[in-house]
Amino acid sequence: MAELGNYFDEIADVDSWISIVVIAAAFFAGSVMKNTIERSVDAPDELYGVVIMVGGVFAGGDYQHEIVTGGGLYTLDKAMERFGVKSKVQEAV
């Protein structure tokens, strides 16, 4: 039972949750950027995630890896939509 307590400690770790929130914020930043910029520029959706990734690299800091990961997830999500992979996975389930 002592091992179970260690798992709960990991789940309750504040630093882990901060990393998760930063990744989610970077992921959702792609949608915000798209909705803001798309009125004047018609760019592929994947580009917004790449911009977030590059911004994360240049921003540096403690959460550089999380920002790049969130931008990469956005890029991957939009690429999967573009090539129909996402819908095939959803249909399979």
N, C-alpha and C. Protein backbone atom coordinates (compact mmCIF):
# COMPACT_ATOMS: atom_id res chain seq x y z
N MET A 1 0.81 -1.21 0.00
CA MET A 1 0.00 0.00 0.00
C MET A 1 0.84 1.25 0.00
N ALA A 2 2.08 1.15 0.48
CA ALA A 2 2.96 2.33 0.51
C ALA A 2 3.24 2.81 -0.91
N GLU A 3 3.31 1.87 -1.87
CA GLU A 3 3.55 2.25 -3.26
C GLU A 3 2.39 3.08 -3.82
N LEU A 4 1.19 2.75 -3.41
CA LEU A 4 0.02 3.50 -3.87
C LEU A 4 0.10 4.95 -3.41
N GLY A 5 0.57 5.16 -2.21
CA GLY A 5 0.74 6.52 -1.71
C GLY A 5 1.73 7.31 -2.54
N ASN A 6 2.77 6.66 -3.04
CA ASN A 6 3.74 7.33 -3.90
C ASN A 6 3.11 7.78 -5.21
N TYR A 7 2.22 6.96 -5.74
CA TYR A 7 1.53 7.33 -6.98
C TYR A 7 0.63 8.55 -6.76
N PHE A 8 -0.06 8.59 -5.65
CA PHE A 8 -0.90 9.75 -5.36
C PHE A 8 -0.08 11.01 -5.15
N ASP A 9 1.10 10.85 -4.56
CA ASP A 9 2.00 12.00 -4.40
C ASP A 9 2.39 12.57 -5.75
N GLU A 10 2.65 11.69 -6.70
CA GLU A 10 3.02 12.13 -8.05
C GLU A 10 1.85 12.85 -8.73
N ILE A 11 0.65 12.33 -8.57
CA ILE A 11 -0.53 12.95 -9.17
C ILE A 11 -0.81 14.31 -8.54
N ALA A 12 -0.56 14.44 -7.27
CA ALA A 12 -0.84 15.69 -6.56
C ALA A 12 0.31 16.70 -6.64
N ASP A 13 1.39 16.35 -7.34
CA ASP A 13 2.55 17.23 -7.42
C ASP A 13 2.19 18.51 -8.20
N VAL A 14 2.39 19.63 -7.57
CA VAL A 14 2.02 20.93 -8.15
C VAL A 14 2.83 21.22 -9.40
N ASP A 15 4.11 20.88 -9.40
CA ASP A 15 4.95 21.14 -10.57
C ASP A 15 4.46 20.38 -11.80
N SER A 16 3.98 19.17 -11.61
CA SER A 16 3.44 18.40 -12.74
C SER A 16 2.20 19.09 -13.31
N TRP A 17 1.33 19.57 -12.44
CA TRP A 17 0.11 20.24 -12.89
C TRP A 17 0.41 21.56 -13.58
N ILE A 18 1.43 22.27 -13.11
CA ILE A 18 1.82 23.52 -13.78
C ILE A 18 2.31 23.21 -15.19
N SER A 19 3.09 22.16 -15.35
CA SER A 19 3.56 21.77 -16.68
C SER A 19 2.39 21.41 -17.59
N ILE A 20 1.43 20.69 -17.05
CA ILE A 20 0.26 20.31 -17.84
C ILE A 20 -0.53 21.55 -18.28
N VAL A 21 -0.69 22.50 -17.38
CA VAL A 21 -1.43 23.73 -17.72
C VAL A 21 -0.69 24.54 -18.78
N VAL A 22 0.63 24.60 -18.71
CA VAL A 22 1.40 25.34 -19.71
C VAL A 22 1.29 24.66 -21.07
N ILE A 23 1.35 23.34 -21.11
CA ILE A 23 1.18 22.61 -22.38
C ILE A 23 -0.21 22.88 -22.95
N ALA A 24 -1.23 22.82 -22.12
CA ALA A 24 -2.60 23.08 -22.59
C ALA A 24 -2.75 24.51 -23.08
N ALA A 25 -2.16 25.47 -22.38
CA ALA A 25 -2.24 26.87 -22.80
C ALA A 25 -1.57 27.08 -24.14
N ALA A 26 -0.41 26.44 -24.35
CA ALA A 26 0.28 26.56 -25.64
C ALA A 26 -0.54 25.90 -26.75
N PHE A 27 -1.18 24.77 -26.43
CA PHE A 27 -2.04 24.10 -27.40
C PHE A 27 -3.21 25.01 -27.81
N PHE A 28 -3.89 25.59 -26.83
CA PHE A 28 -5.04 26.44 -27.12
C PHE A 28 -4.63 27.78 -27.72
N ALA A 29 -3.39 28.19 -27.51
CA ALA A 29 -2.91 29.44 -28.10
C ALA A 29 -2.95 29.36 -29.63
N GLY A 30 -2.80 28.17 -30.18
CA GLY A 30 -2.90 28.01 -31.63
C GLY A 30 -4.28 28.38 -32.14
N SER A 31 -5.31 27.98 -31.44
CA SER A 31 -6.68 28.35 -31.85
C SER A 31 -6.93 29.84 -31.70
N VAL A 32 -6.42 30.40 -30.62
CA VAL A 32 -6.59 31.85 -30.41
C VAL A 32 -5.87 32.62 -31.51
N MET A 33 -4.64 32.19 -31.82
CA MET A 33 -3.87 32.85 -32.87
C MET A 33 -4.58 32.73 -34.21
N LYS A 34 -5.08 31.54 -34.51
CA LYS A 34 -5.78 31.32 -35.78
C LYS A 34 -7.01 32.21 -35.89
N ASN A 35 -7.82 32.27 -34.84
CA ASN A 35 -9.04 33.08 -34.88
C ASN A 35 -8.74 34.56 -34.95
N THR A 36 -7.61 34.99 -34.43
CA THR A 36 -7.23 36.40 -34.47
C THR A 36 -6.65 36.80 -35.81
N ILE A 37 -5.78 35.96 -36.36
CA ILE A 37 -5.04 36.31 -37.57
C ILE A 37 -5.77 35.92 -38.85
N GLU A 38 -6.60 34.89 -38.81
CA GLU A 38 -7.18 34.32 -40.02
C GLU A 38 -8.04 35.30 -40.82
N ARG A 39 -8.51 36.35 -40.17
CA ARG A 39 -9.34 37.32 -40.90
C ARG A 39 -8.56 37.99 -42.02
N SER A 40 -7.25 38.17 -41.83
CA SER A 40 -6.45 38.87 -42.83
C SER A 40 -5.47 37.97 -43.56
N VAL A 41 -5.16 36.79 -43.03
CA VAL A 41 -4.18 35.89 -43.63
C VAL A 41 -4.78 34.49 -43.71
N ASP A 42 -4.67 33.89 -44.88
CA ASP A 42 -5.16 32.51 -45.04
C ASP A 42 -3.96 31.57 -45.01
N ALA A 43 -3.60 31.13 -43.83
CA ALA A 43 -2.45 30.25 -43.64
C ALA A 43 -2.93 28.87 -43.21
N PRO A 44 -2.13 27.85 -43.50
CA PRO A 44 -2.51 26.51 -43.03
C PRO A 44 -2.55 26.47 -41.51
N ASP A 45 -3.48 25.72 -40.96
CA ASP A 45 -3.64 25.64 -39.51
C ASP A 45 -2.38 25.17 -38.80
N GLU A 46 -1.64 24.27 -39.43
CA GLU A 46 -0.44 23.73 -38.81
C GLU A 46 0.60 24.82 -38.54
N LEU A 47 0.59 25.86 -39.34
CA LEU A 47 1.57 26.93 -39.21
C LEU A 47 1.47 27.62 -37.85
N TYR A 48 0.28 27.75 -37.32
CA TYR A 48 0.10 28.42 -36.03
C TYR A 48 0.81 27.64 -34.92
N GLY A 49 0.74 26.34 -34.97
CA GLY A 49 1.44 25.52 -33.98
C GLY A 49 2.95 25.64 -34.11
N VAL A 50 3.43 25.71 -35.36
CA VAL A 50 4.86 25.88 -35.59
C VAL A 50 5.33 27.23 -35.05
N VAL A 51 4.52 28.27 -35.24
CA VAL A 51 4.87 29.59 -34.72
C VAL A 51 4.97 29.54 -33.19
N ILE A 52 4.07 28.83 -32.55
CA ILE A 52 4.13 28.70 -31.09
C ILE A 52 5.39 27.95 -30.69
N MET A 53 5.74 26.92 -31.42
CA MET A 53 6.95 26.16 -31.11
C MET A 53 8.20 27.05 -31.22
N VAL A 54 8.29 27.81 -32.31
CA VAL A 54 9.43 28.71 -32.50
C VAL A 54 9.45 29.77 -31.41
N GLY A 55 8.28 30.31 -31.09
CA GLY A 55 8.20 31.29 -30.02
C GLY A 55 8.65 30.72 -28.70
N GLY A 56 8.31 29.47 -28.44
CA GLY A 56 8.74 28.83 -27.21
C GLY A 56 10.24 28.66 -27.15
N VAL A 57 10.86 28.34 -28.29
CA VAL A 57 12.31 28.20 -28.33
C VAL A 57 12.98 29.54 -28.04
N PHE A 58 12.49 30.60 -28.68
CA PHE A 58 13.09 31.91 -28.46
C PHE A 58 12.78 32.49 -27.09
N ALA A 59 11.65 32.13 -26.53
CA ALA A 59 11.28 32.65 -25.21
C ALA A 59 12.17 32.07 -24.13
N GLY A 60 12.57 30.81 -24.30
CA GLY A 60 13.42 30.18 -23.30
C GLY A 60 12.70 30.05 -21.98
N GLY A 61 13.42 30.13 -20.90
CA GLY A 61 12.81 30.08 -19.58
C GLY A 61 12.53 28.68 -19.09
N ASP A 62 11.88 28.63 -17.95
CA ASP A 62 11.61 27.36 -17.29
C ASP A 62 10.61 26.48 -18.03
N TYR A 63 9.76 27.07 -18.84
CA TYR A 63 8.68 26.31 -19.47
C TYR A 63 8.86 26.20 -20.99
N GLN A 64 10.07 26.35 -21.46
CA GLN A 64 10.36 26.28 -22.89
C GLN A 64 9.90 24.94 -23.47
N HIS A 65 10.24 23.85 -22.81
CA HIS A 65 9.88 22.52 -23.30
C HIS A 65 8.36 22.34 -23.37
N GLU A 66 7.65 22.82 -22.38
CA GLU A 66 6.19 22.68 -22.35
C GLU A 66 5.53 23.50 -23.46
N ILE A 67 6.05 24.70 -23.71
CA ILE A 67 5.48 25.54 -24.78
C ILE A 67 5.70 24.89 -26.13
N VAL A 68 6.90 24.39 -26.36
CA VAL A 68 7.20 23.71 -27.63
C VAL A 68 6.33 22.46 -27.77
N THR A 69 6.13 21.73 -26.70
CA THR A 69 5.28 20.54 -26.73
C THR A 69 3.83 20.89 -27.07
N GLY A 70 3.29 21.93 -26.44
CA GLY A 70 1.92 22.35 -26.74
C GLY A 70 1.75 22.79 -28.18
N GLY A 71 2.71 23.55 -28.69
CA GLY A 71 2.66 23.96 -30.10
C GLY A 71 2.77 22.77 -31.03
N GLY A 72 3.62 21.82 -30.67
CA GLY A 72 3.76 20.61 -31.48
C GLY A 72 2.51 19.77 -31.48
N LEU A 73 1.84 19.67 -30.34
CA LEU A 73 0.57 18.93 -30.28
C LEU A 73 -0.49 19.59 -31.16
N TYR A 74 -0.52 20.93 -31.16
CA TYR A 74 -1.48 21.64 -32.01
C TYR A 74 -1.19 21.34 -33.48
N THR A 75 0.09 21.39 -33.86
CA THR A 75 0.48 21.11 -35.24
C THR A 75 0.10 19.69 -35.63
N LEU A 76 0.38 18.74 -34.76
CA LEU A 76 0.04 17.34 -35.02
C LEU A 76 -1.47 17.15 -35.13
N ASP A 77 -2.23 17.78 -34.26
CA ASP A 77 -3.69 17.67 -34.28
C ASP A 77 -4.24 18.19 -35.60
N LYS A 78 -3.76 19.34 -36.04
CA LYS A 78 -4.27 19.93 -37.29
C LYS A 78 -3.82 19.12 -38.50
N ALA A 79 -2.60 18.56 -38.47
CA ALA A 79 -2.14 17.72 -39.57
C ALA A 79 -2.96 16.44 -39.65
N MET A 80 -3.30 15.87 -38.49
CA MET A 80 -4.14 14.68 -38.49
C MET A 80 -5.53 14.97 -39.05
N GLU A 81 -6.06 16.17 -38.76
CA GLU A 81 -7.34 16.56 -39.34
C GLU A 81 -7.22 16.72 -40.86
N ARG A 82 -6.16 17.37 -41.30
CA ARG A 82 -5.97 17.64 -42.73
C ARG A 82 -5.90 16.35 -43.55
N PHE A 83 -5.20 15.35 -43.04
CA PHE A 83 -5.00 14.12 -43.79
C PHE A 83 -6.02 13.04 -43.46
N GLY A 84 -7.03 13.36 -42.66
CA GLY A 84 -8.11 12.44 -42.38
C GLY A 84 -7.78 11.36 -41.36
N VAL A 85 -6.63 11.44 -40.73
CA VAL A 85 -6.24 10.42 -39.76
C VAL A 85 -7.11 10.52 -38.50
N LYS A 86 -7.39 11.74 -38.08
CA LYS A 86 -8.16 11.94 -36.86
C LYS A 86 -9.56 11.34 -36.99
N SER A 87 -10.21 11.56 -38.12
CA SER A 87 -11.57 11.03 -38.29
C SER A 87 -11.56 9.51 -38.38
N LYS A 88 -10.51 8.94 -38.99
CA LYS A 88 -10.42 7.47 -39.07
C LYS A 88 -10.23 6.85 -37.69
N VAL A 89 -9.44 7.50 -36.85
CA VAL A 89 -9.24 7.01 -35.49
C VAL A 89 -10.54 7.12 -34.70
N GLN A 90 -11.25 8.22 -34.86
CA GLN A 90 -12.51 8.41 -34.14
C GLN A 90 -13.56 7.42 -34.61
N GLU A 91 -13.57 7.10 -35.90
CA GLU A 91 -14.53 6.13 -36.42
C GLU A 91 -14.22 4.71 -35.93
N ALA A 92 -12.95 4.42 -35.71
CA ALA A 92 -12.54 3.09 -35.29
C ALA A 92 -12.96 2.79 -33.85
N VAL A 93 -13.12 3.84 -33.09
CA VAL A 93 -13.46 3.65 -31.67
C VAL A 93 -14.90 3.49 -31.51
